[in-house]
Amino acid sequence: MIQNTVQFGANALDDPNTHIADFLEICDTLKFNGVSDDVVSLCLFPFSLRDKAKSWLNCLLLRTDITTFSQFEQESLYEAWELYKDLLWRCPHHELPLGLVVQTFYYGFISSNRTMIDAAARGNLLRKTEEEGYELLEEMAASSYQLQSERNNQRSSAGVHQVNEFSVVTT
């Protein structure tokens, strides 16, 4: 059976300093023209981890995605909110307070949508309590989803003609 991780010294799994020393020693044996040693190390490091250490790194990367969230140009409020909540769910130990979660989502939004959120909040969303801000985003996303579903239903029926036996016989 082939393992997808490099096995380092027996104590390396218990001692992070030994793990990193062994890892850097292995990385020093790899050289690529035009690629710095740091880039090689950064690209290979995730492959040196497993189990809880790999979960920790993945959660750390997800935490970065959470704190640097930004809405895509054509993304609806519902889609953006669901994506953001999915990031939070996949990184349950993000340790971000609810106020920072709301603030990060708010500032990651396109400015015209921020204006819409502020209008719904009857002022700046961030002046609400953390819980009120979160709940307002939940309600607005649900409303956005309903409007999006209704529009999709209307579009799918546009141009479709109902045909019954009488109209087929008379044509």
N, C-alpha and C. Protein backbone atom coordinates (compact mmCIF):
# COMPACT_ATOMS: atom_id res chain seq x y z
N MET A 1 0.84 -1.16 0.00
CA MET A 1 0.00 0.00 0.00
C MET A 1 0.90 1.24 0.00
N ILE A 2 0.56 2.22 -0.84
CA ILE A 2 1.34 3.44 -0.93
C ILE A 2 0.69 4.50 -0.06
N GLN A 3 1.48 5.15 0.77
CA GLN A 3 0.95 6.22 1.62
C GLN A 3 1.14 7.55 0.91
N ASN A 4 0.17 8.45 1.11
CA ASN A 4 0.26 9.75 0.44
C ASN A 4 0.96 10.80 1.30
N THR A 5 1.50 10.44 2.44
CA THR A 5 2.24 11.38 3.26
C THR A 5 3.64 10.84 3.50
N VAL A 6 4.57 11.73 3.69
CA VAL A 6 5.94 11.35 3.98
C VAL A 6 6.03 11.04 5.47
N GLN A 7 6.61 9.90 5.78
CA GLN A 7 6.79 9.54 7.19
C GLN A 7 8.11 10.11 7.67
N PHE A 8 8.05 10.89 8.71
CA PHE A 8 9.26 11.44 9.30
C PHE A 8 9.62 10.60 10.51
N GLY A 9 10.60 11.04 11.28
CA GLY A 9 11.04 10.31 12.45
C GLY A 9 9.89 9.97 13.38
N ALA A 10 10.07 8.96 14.21
CA ALA A 10 9.00 8.47 15.08
C ALA A 10 8.46 9.57 15.99
N ASN A 11 9.33 10.45 16.47
CA ASN A 11 8.89 11.51 17.36
C ASN A 11 8.32 12.71 16.62
N ALA A 12 8.47 12.73 15.31
CA ALA A 12 8.06 13.90 14.53
C ALA A 12 6.56 14.14 14.63
N LEU A 13 5.79 13.08 14.74
CA LEU A 13 4.35 13.25 14.82
C LEU A 13 3.93 13.83 16.16
N ASP A 14 4.73 13.61 17.19
CA ASP A 14 4.42 14.14 18.51
C ASP A 14 5.06 15.50 18.75
N ASP A 15 6.16 15.77 18.07
CA ASP A 15 6.91 17.01 18.29
C ASP A 15 6.91 17.85 17.02
N PRO A 16 6.19 18.97 17.02
CA PRO A 16 6.11 19.79 15.82
C PRO A 16 7.46 20.35 15.38
N ASN A 17 8.35 20.64 16.32
CA ASN A 17 9.67 21.17 15.95
C ASN A 17 10.47 20.13 15.17
N THR A 18 10.42 18.89 15.62
CA THR A 18 11.10 17.81 14.90
C THR A 18 10.47 17.60 13.54
N HIS A 19 9.17 17.66 13.48
CA HIS A 19 8.46 17.51 12.21
C HIS A 19 8.92 18.56 11.21
N ILE A 20 8.96 19.80 11.63
CA ILE A 20 9.36 20.89 10.72
C ILE A 20 10.83 20.75 10.33
N ALA A 21 11.68 20.40 11.26
CA ALA A 21 13.11 20.22 10.94
C ALA A 21 13.27 19.11 9.90
N ASP A 22 12.60 17.98 10.10
CA ASP A 22 12.67 16.87 9.15
C ASP A 22 12.08 17.28 7.79
N PHE A 23 11.00 18.00 7.84
CA PHE A 23 10.35 18.45 6.61
C PHE A 23 11.27 19.37 5.81
N LEU A 24 11.87 20.34 6.48
CA LEU A 24 12.77 21.27 5.79
C LEU A 24 14.01 20.56 5.25
N GLU A 25 14.47 19.54 5.95
CA GLU A 25 15.61 18.75 5.47
C GLU A 25 15.26 18.06 4.16
N ILE A 26 14.07 17.50 4.09
CA ILE A 26 13.62 16.86 2.85
C ILE A 26 13.44 17.90 1.74
N CYS A 27 12.86 19.05 2.07
CA CYS A 27 12.64 20.10 1.07
C CYS A 27 13.95 20.61 0.50
N ASP A 28 15.01 20.60 1.32
CA ASP A 28 16.31 21.07 0.84
C ASP A 28 16.88 20.16 -0.24
N THR A 29 16.35 18.97 -0.37
CA THR A 29 16.83 18.05 -1.41
C THR A 29 16.15 18.31 -2.75
N LEU A 30 15.12 19.15 -2.74
CA LEU A 30 14.38 19.45 -3.97
C LEU A 30 14.71 20.85 -4.47
N LYS A 31 15.13 20.96 -5.69
CA LYS A 31 15.44 22.25 -6.29
C LYS A 31 14.77 22.31 -7.66
N PHE A 32 14.11 23.44 -7.94
CA PHE A 32 13.47 23.67 -9.22
C PHE A 32 13.96 25.01 -9.76
N ASN A 33 14.33 25.04 -11.03
CA ASN A 33 14.80 26.29 -11.64
C ASN A 33 13.71 27.36 -11.59
N GLY A 34 14.07 28.53 -11.10
CA GLY A 34 13.14 29.65 -11.07
C GLY A 34 12.11 29.59 -9.96
N VAL A 35 12.20 28.62 -9.06
CA VAL A 35 11.24 28.49 -7.96
C VAL A 35 12.02 28.59 -6.65
N SER A 36 11.59 29.51 -5.79
CA SER A 36 12.31 29.70 -4.52
C SER A 36 12.06 28.51 -3.59
N ASP A 37 12.99 28.32 -2.66
CA ASP A 37 12.85 27.24 -1.67
C ASP A 37 11.59 27.41 -0.84
N ASP A 38 11.23 28.66 -0.53
CA ASP A 38 10.03 28.93 0.27
C ASP A 38 8.77 28.47 -0.45
N VAL A 39 8.71 28.70 -1.75
CA VAL A 39 7.53 28.28 -2.53
C VAL A 39 7.42 26.76 -2.54
N VAL A 40 8.54 26.09 -2.72
CA VAL A 40 8.54 24.62 -2.70
C VAL A 40 8.04 24.12 -1.35
N SER A 41 8.57 24.69 -0.27
CA SER A 41 8.17 24.27 1.08
C SER A 41 6.68 24.51 1.32
N LEU A 42 6.21 25.70 0.93
CA LEU A 42 4.79 26.01 1.14
C LEU A 42 3.87 25.08 0.35
N CYS A 43 4.29 24.73 -0.85
CA CYS A 43 3.45 23.83 -1.67
C CYS A 43 3.43 22.41 -1.10
N LEU A 44 4.54 21.97 -0.54
CA LEU A 44 4.63 20.59 -0.06
C LEU A 44 4.16 20.40 1.38
N PHE A 45 4.18 21.46 2.17
CA PHE A 45 3.87 21.32 3.60
C PHE A 45 2.55 20.61 3.89
N PRO A 46 1.44 20.97 3.22
CA PRO A 46 0.18 20.27 3.53
C PRO A 46 0.27 18.75 3.36
N PHE A 47 1.14 18.30 2.47
CA PHE A 47 1.28 16.85 2.25
C PHE A 47 2.07 16.16 3.36
N SER A 48 2.71 16.94 4.21
CA SER A 48 3.47 16.35 5.31
C SER A 48 2.59 16.12 6.54
N LEU A 49 1.37 16.62 6.50
CA LEU A 49 0.48 16.52 7.65
C LEU A 49 -0.54 15.41 7.47
N ARG A 50 -1.09 14.98 8.58
CA ARG A 50 -2.18 14.01 8.54
C ARG A 50 -3.00 14.12 9.82
N ASP A 51 -4.13 13.48 9.83
CA ASP A 51 -5.01 13.42 10.99
C ASP A 51 -5.35 14.81 11.54
N LYS A 52 -5.14 15.02 12.83
CA LYS A 52 -5.54 16.28 13.47
C LYS A 52 -4.76 17.47 12.93
N ALA A 53 -3.50 17.26 12.60
CA ALA A 53 -2.69 18.36 12.07
C ALA A 53 -3.23 18.81 10.71
N LYS A 54 -3.63 17.86 9.88
CA LYS A 54 -4.20 18.21 8.56
C LYS A 54 -5.54 18.93 8.75
N SER A 55 -6.35 18.47 9.68
CA SER A 55 -7.62 19.14 9.97
C SER A 55 -7.38 20.56 10.45
N TRP A 56 -6.37 20.74 11.29
CA TRP A 56 -6.03 22.06 11.79
C TRP A 56 -5.66 22.99 10.64
N LEU A 57 -4.82 22.52 9.73
CA LEU A 57 -4.40 23.36 8.60
C LEU A 57 -5.59 23.71 7.71
N ASN A 58 -6.43 22.73 7.42
CA ASN A 58 -7.60 22.99 6.59
C ASN A 58 -8.52 24.02 7.25
N CYS A 59 -8.70 23.90 8.55
CA CYS A 59 -9.53 24.86 9.28
C CYS A 59 -8.90 26.25 9.26
N LEU A 60 -7.59 26.32 9.36
CA LEU A 60 -6.89 27.59 9.30
C LEU A 60 -7.10 28.26 7.94
N LEU A 61 -7.03 27.47 6.86
CA LEU A 61 -7.26 28.02 5.52
C LEU A 61 -8.71 28.47 5.36
N LEU A 62 -9.64 27.69 5.90
CA LEU A 62 -11.04 28.09 5.84
C LEU A 62 -11.28 29.36 6.63
N ARG A 63 -10.60 29.50 7.74
CA ARG A 63 -10.74 30.71 8.55
C ARG A 63 -10.29 31.92 7.74
N THR A 64 -9.25 31.76 6.96
CA THR A 64 -8.80 32.85 6.08
C THR A 64 -9.87 33.16 5.05
N ASP A 65 -10.51 32.14 4.48
CA ASP A 65 -11.60 32.36 3.53
C ASP A 65 -12.76 33.11 4.19
N ILE A 66 -13.02 32.80 5.44
CA ILE A 66 -14.11 33.46 6.18
C ILE A 66 -13.78 34.94 6.37
N THR A 67 -12.58 35.22 6.84
CA THR A 67 -12.23 36.60 7.19
C THR A 67 -11.93 37.48 5.98
N THR A 68 -11.77 36.87 4.80
CA THR A 68 -11.52 37.66 3.59
C THR A 68 -12.68 37.51 2.60
N PHE A 69 -13.84 37.14 3.09
CA PHE A 69 -15.00 36.89 2.24
C PHE A 69 -15.35 38.13 1.40
N SER A 70 -15.71 37.89 0.14
CA SER A 70 -16.27 38.96 -0.70
C SER A 70 -17.26 38.35 -1.67
N GLN A 71 -18.31 39.10 -1.91
CA GLN A 71 -19.39 38.66 -2.78
C GLN A 71 -18.92 38.73 -4.24
N PHE A 72 -19.32 37.75 -5.04
CA PHE A 72 -19.06 37.80 -6.48
C PHE A 72 -20.06 38.74 -7.13
N GLU A 73 -19.69 39.28 -8.26
CA GLU A 73 -20.49 40.31 -8.93
C GLU A 73 -21.93 39.89 -9.19
N GLN A 74 -22.17 38.72 -9.71
CA GLN A 74 -23.53 38.28 -10.07
C GLN A 74 -24.18 37.41 -9.00
N GLU A 75 -23.59 37.35 -7.84
CA GLU A 75 -24.08 36.48 -6.77
C GLU A 75 -25.19 37.18 -5.99
N SER A 76 -26.27 36.47 -5.75
CA SER A 76 -27.38 37.04 -4.99
C SER A 76 -27.03 37.05 -3.51
N LEU A 77 -27.81 37.81 -2.75
CA LEU A 77 -27.64 37.83 -1.29
C LEU A 77 -27.77 36.42 -0.73
N TYR A 78 -28.77 35.68 -1.20
CA TYR A 78 -28.99 34.31 -0.71
C TYR A 78 -27.76 33.44 -1.00
N GLU A 79 -27.25 33.49 -2.22
CA GLU A 79 -26.11 32.65 -2.60
C GLU A 79 -24.87 33.00 -1.77
N ALA A 80 -24.63 34.31 -1.62
CA ALA A 80 -23.46 34.75 -0.84
C ALA A 80 -23.59 34.33 0.62
N TRP A 81 -24.76 34.51 1.20
CA TRP A 81 -25.00 34.17 2.61
C TRP A 81 -24.84 32.68 2.82
N GLU A 82 -25.39 31.86 1.92
CA GLU A 82 -25.26 30.40 2.07
C GLU A 82 -23.81 29.95 1.94
N LEU A 83 -23.07 30.55 1.02
CA LEU A 83 -21.66 30.22 0.87
C LEU A 83 -20.89 30.59 2.14
N TYR A 84 -21.17 31.76 2.66
CA TYR A 84 -20.50 32.22 3.87
C TYR A 84 -20.84 31.32 5.06
N LYS A 85 -22.10 30.96 5.22
CA LYS A 85 -22.48 30.07 6.32
C LYS A 85 -21.85 28.69 6.15
N ASP A 86 -21.69 28.25 4.91
CA ASP A 86 -21.03 26.96 4.66
C ASP A 86 -19.58 27.00 5.11
N LEU A 87 -18.90 28.12 4.85
CA LEU A 87 -17.52 28.27 5.33
C LEU A 87 -17.47 28.20 6.85
N LEU A 88 -18.41 28.87 7.50
CA LEU A 88 -18.48 28.85 8.97
C LEU A 88 -18.73 27.43 9.48
N TRP A 89 -19.60 26.71 8.81
CA TRP A 89 -19.95 25.35 9.23
C TRP A 89 -18.77 24.40 9.06
N ARG A 90 -18.03 24.58 7.96
CA ARG A 90 -16.89 23.69 7.70
C ARG A 90 -15.71 23.97 8.61
N CYS A 91 -15.72 25.12 9.27
CA CYS A 91 -14.65 25.48 10.21
C CYS A 91 -15.28 25.83 11.55
N PRO A 92 -15.79 24.83 12.26
CA PRO A 92 -16.53 25.12 13.50
C PRO A 92 -15.68 25.76 14.59
N HIS A 93 -14.38 25.65 14.51
CA HIS A 93 -13.51 26.22 15.53
C HIS A 93 -12.85 27.51 15.04
N HIS A 94 -13.59 28.28 14.23
CA HIS A 94 -13.04 29.52 13.70
C HIS A 94 -12.82 30.57 14.78
N GLU A 95 -13.51 30.44 15.90
CA GLU A 95 -13.35 31.31 17.06
C GLU A 95 -13.59 32.78 16.76
N LEU A 96 -14.41 33.07 15.76
CA LEU A 96 -14.75 34.45 15.45
C LEU A 96 -16.04 34.80 16.17
N PRO A 97 -16.07 35.91 16.89
CA PRO A 97 -17.31 36.30 17.57
C PRO A 97 -18.38 36.64 16.54
N LEU A 98 -19.63 36.48 16.91
CA LEU A 98 -20.75 36.69 16.01
C LEU A 98 -20.71 38.09 15.39
N GLY A 99 -20.32 39.09 16.16
CA GLY A 99 -20.24 40.45 15.63
C GLY A 99 -19.25 40.56 14.49
N LEU A 100 -18.11 39.89 14.60
CA LEU A 100 -17.12 39.90 13.54
C LEU A 100 -17.60 39.11 12.32
N VAL A 101 -18.34 38.05 12.56
CA VAL A 101 -18.93 37.27 11.46
C VAL A 101 -19.86 38.16 10.64
N VAL A 102 -20.74 38.88 11.32
CA VAL A 102 -21.70 39.77 10.64
C VAL A 102 -20.94 40.90 9.94
N GLN A 103 -19.99 41.49 10.63
CA GLN A 103 -19.22 42.61 10.06
C GLN A 103 -18.45 42.17 8.82
N THR A 104 -17.80 41.02 8.86
CA THR A 104 -17.02 40.53 7.73
C THR A 104 -17.92 40.29 6.52
N PHE A 105 -19.07 39.68 6.75
CA PHE A 105 -20.00 39.45 5.64
C PHE A 105 -20.47 40.79 5.07
N TYR A 106 -20.82 41.71 5.94
CA TYR A 106 -21.32 43.02 5.52
C TYR A 106 -20.29 43.76 4.67
N TYR A 107 -19.06 43.81 5.12
CA TYR A 107 -18.01 44.52 4.37
C TYR A 107 -17.57 43.77 3.12
N GLY A 108 -17.84 42.48 3.06
CA GLY A 108 -17.51 41.70 1.87
C GLY A 108 -18.55 41.84 0.77
N PHE A 109 -19.61 42.54 1.08
CA PHE A 109 -20.71 42.70 0.13
C PHE A 109 -20.45 43.88 -0.80
N ILE A 110 -20.95 43.80 -2.02
CA ILE A 110 -20.87 44.90 -2.98
C ILE A 110 -21.60 46.10 -2.37
N SER A 111 -21.05 47.30 -2.55
CA SER A 111 -21.56 48.49 -1.84
C SER A 111 -23.04 48.75 -2.10
N SER A 112 -23.54 48.49 -3.31
CA SER A 112 -24.97 48.72 -3.56
C SER A 112 -25.83 47.77 -2.72
N ASN A 113 -25.35 46.57 -2.50
CA ASN A 113 -26.09 45.63 -1.66
C ASN A 113 -25.98 46.00 -0.19
N ARG A 114 -24.85 46.60 0.20
CA ARG A 114 -24.72 47.09 1.57
C ARG A 114 -25.76 48.17 1.85
N THR A 115 -25.99 49.01 0.85
CA THR A 115 -27.00 50.06 0.97
C THR A 115 -28.37 49.45 1.17
N MET A 116 -28.67 48.38 0.42
CA MET A 116 -29.95 47.69 0.55
C MET A 116 -30.10 47.10 1.96
N ILE A 117 -29.03 46.51 2.47
CA ILE A 117 -29.06 45.92 3.81
C ILE A 117 -29.27 47.01 4.86
N ASP A 118 -28.58 48.12 4.70
CA ASP A 118 -28.74 49.23 5.64
C ASP A 118 -30.17 49.77 5.62
N ALA A 119 -30.76 49.83 4.42
CA ALA A 119 -32.16 50.30 4.33
C ALA A 119 -33.08 49.36 5.09
N ALA A 120 -32.85 48.07 4.94
CA ALA A 120 -33.68 47.08 5.65
C ALA A 120 -33.45 47.17 7.16
N ALA A 121 -32.25 47.56 7.55
CA ALA A 121 -31.92 47.68 8.97
C ALA A 121 -32.38 49.02 9.55
N ARG A 122 -32.92 49.88 8.69
CA ARG A 122 -33.33 51.24 9.09
C ARG A 122 -32.15 52.01 9.69
N GLY A 123 -31.04 51.91 8.99
CA GLY A 123 -29.79 52.53 9.44
C GLY A 123 -28.67 51.55 9.16
N ASN A 124 -27.51 51.82 9.66
CA ASN A 124 -26.36 50.93 9.44
C ASN A 124 -26.57 49.61 10.16
N LEU A 125 -26.42 48.50 9.44
CA LEU A 125 -26.60 47.16 10.01
C LEU A 125 -25.71 46.96 11.23
N LEU A 126 -24.52 47.53 11.18
CA LEU A 126 -23.54 47.29 12.25
C LEU A 126 -23.88 48.02 13.54
N ARG A 127 -24.91 48.85 13.52
CA ARG A 127 -25.36 49.51 14.75
C ARG A 127 -26.37 48.63 15.50
N LYS A 128 -26.78 47.56 14.86
CA LYS A 128 -27.67 46.59 15.51
C LYS A 128 -26.82 45.70 16.44
N THR A 129 -27.48 44.97 17.32
CA THR A 129 -26.74 43.99 18.11
C THR A 129 -26.29 42.87 17.18
N GLU A 130 -25.33 42.10 17.61
CA GLU A 130 -24.82 40.99 16.81
C GLU A 130 -25.96 40.06 16.37
N GLU A 131 -26.80 39.72 17.34
CA GLU A 131 -27.90 38.79 17.07
C GLU A 131 -28.91 39.39 16.10
N GLU A 132 -29.23 40.69 16.28
CA GLU A 132 -30.18 41.35 15.39
C GLU A 132 -29.62 41.43 13.97
N GLY A 133 -28.34 41.73 13.85
CA GLY A 133 -27.70 41.80 12.54
C GLY A 133 -27.71 40.45 11.84
N TYR A 134 -27.37 39.40 12.57
CA TYR A 134 -27.35 38.05 12.01
C TYR A 134 -28.76 37.65 11.57
N GLU A 135 -29.74 37.90 12.42
CA GLU A 135 -31.13 37.54 12.11
C GLU A 135 -31.64 38.30 10.90
N LEU A 136 -31.28 39.58 10.78
CA LEU A 136 -31.69 40.36 9.62
C LEU A 136 -31.09 39.79 8.33
N LEU A 137 -29.83 39.40 8.38
CA LEU A 137 -29.20 38.79 7.21
C LEU A 137 -29.89 37.48 6.85
N GLU A 138 -30.24 36.68 7.86
CA GLU A 138 -30.97 35.43 7.61
C GLU A 138 -32.30 35.70 6.91
N GLU A 139 -33.04 36.68 7.41
CA GLU A 139 -34.35 37.01 6.84
C GLU A 139 -34.22 37.54 5.43
N MET A 140 -33.24 38.42 5.21
CA MET A 140 -33.06 38.99 3.88
C MET A 140 -32.62 37.93 2.87
N ALA A 141 -31.77 37.01 3.31
CA ALA A 141 -31.32 35.94 2.41
C ALA A 141 -32.50 35.03 2.05
N ALA A 142 -33.34 34.71 3.03
CA ALA A 142 -34.52 33.87 2.76
C ALA A 142 -35.45 34.58 1.79
N SER A 143 -35.64 35.87 1.98
CA SER A 143 -36.49 36.65 1.08
C SER A 143 -35.88 36.70 -0.31
N SER A 144 -34.57 36.86 -0.39
CA SER A 144 -33.87 36.88 -1.68
C SER A 144 -34.04 35.55 -2.41
N TYR A 145 -34.00 34.45 -1.65
CA TYR A 145 -34.18 33.13 -2.24
C TYR A 145 -35.59 32.98 -2.80
N GLN A 146 -36.58 33.44 -2.05
CA GLN A 146 -37.97 33.34 -2.51
C GLN A 146 -38.18 34.15 -3.78
N LEU A 147 -37.65 35.37 -3.83
CA LEU A 147 -37.78 36.20 -5.03
C LEU A 147 -37.08 35.55 -6.21
N GLN A 148 -35.91 34.99 -5.97
CA GLN A 148 -35.15 34.32 -7.03
C GLN A 148 -35.92 33.12 -7.55
N SER A 149 -36.53 32.34 -6.67
CA SER A 149 -37.31 31.17 -7.07
C SER A 149 -38.52 31.58 -7.89
N GLU A 150 -39.20 32.64 -7.46
CA GLU A 150 -40.37 33.12 -8.20
C GLU A 150 -39.98 33.59 -9.59
N ARG A 151 -38.87 34.31 -9.70
CA ARG A 151 -38.41 34.77 -11.02
C ARG A 151 -38.05 33.60 -11.92
N ASN A 152 -37.38 32.60 -11.35
CA ASN A 152 -37.02 31.42 -12.15
C ASN A 152 -38.26 30.69 -12.63
N ASN A 153 -39.29 30.59 -11.80
CA ASN A 153 -40.53 29.94 -12.22
C ASN A 153 -41.20 30.71 -13.34
N GLN A 154 -41.20 32.04 -13.24
CA GLN A 154 -41.80 32.86 -14.29
C GLN A 154 -41.03 32.73 -15.59
N ARG A 155 -39.70 32.71 -15.52
CA ARG A 155 -38.88 32.58 -16.73
C ARG A 155 -39.08 31.23 -17.39
N SER A 156 -39.19 30.18 -16.58
CA SER A 156 -39.31 28.85 -17.16
C SER A 156 -40.64 28.66 -17.87
N SER A 157 -41.67 29.42 -17.47
CA SER A 157 -42.95 29.27 -18.13
C SER A 157 -43.12 30.24 -19.29
N ALA A 158 -42.20 31.23 -19.42
CA ALA A 158 -42.31 32.18 -20.52
C ALA A 158 -42.05 31.46 -21.84
N GLY A 159 -42.91 31.69 -22.82
CA GLY A 159 -42.74 31.10 -24.14
C GLY A 159 -43.31 29.70 -24.26
N VAL A 160 -43.84 29.15 -23.21
CA VAL A 160 -44.43 27.82 -23.23
C VAL A 160 -45.92 27.99 -23.46
N HIS A 161 -46.44 27.29 -24.44
CA HIS A 161 -47.86 27.40 -24.76
C HIS A 161 -48.58 26.14 -24.32
N GLN A 162 -49.73 26.34 -23.73
CA GLN A 162 -50.55 25.21 -23.32
C GLN A 162 -51.29 24.68 -24.54
N VAL A 163 -51.22 23.39 -24.72
CA VAL A 163 -51.90 22.75 -25.84
C VAL A 163 -52.88 21.74 -25.29
N ASN A 164 -54.13 21.84 -25.72
CA ASN A 164 -55.12 20.85 -25.33
C ASN A 164 -55.71 20.23 -26.60
N GLU A 165 -56.61 19.27 -26.45
CA GLU A 165 -57.15 18.58 -27.63
C GLU A 165 -57.89 19.53 -28.56
N PHE A 166 -58.59 20.51 -28.02
CA PHE A 166 -59.37 21.41 -28.84
C PHE A 166 -58.46 22.26 -29.74
N SER A 167 -57.35 22.78 -29.16
CA SER A 167 -56.46 23.61 -29.96
C SER A 167 -55.72 22.78 -30.99
N VAL A 168 -55.44 21.52 -30.74
CA VAL A 168 -54.78 20.68 -31.73
C VAL A 168 -55.73 20.37 -32.87
N VAL A 169 -57.01 20.11 -32.59
CA VAL A 169 -57.99 19.77 -33.60
C VAL A 169 -58.30 20.97 -34.47
N THR A 170 -58.35 22.16 -33.90
CA THR A 170 -58.74 23.35 -34.68
C THR A 170 -57.61 23.92 -35.51
N THR A 171 -56.40 23.48 -35.33
CA THR A 171 -55.31 24.03 -36.13
C THR A 171 -55.00 23.24 -37.35
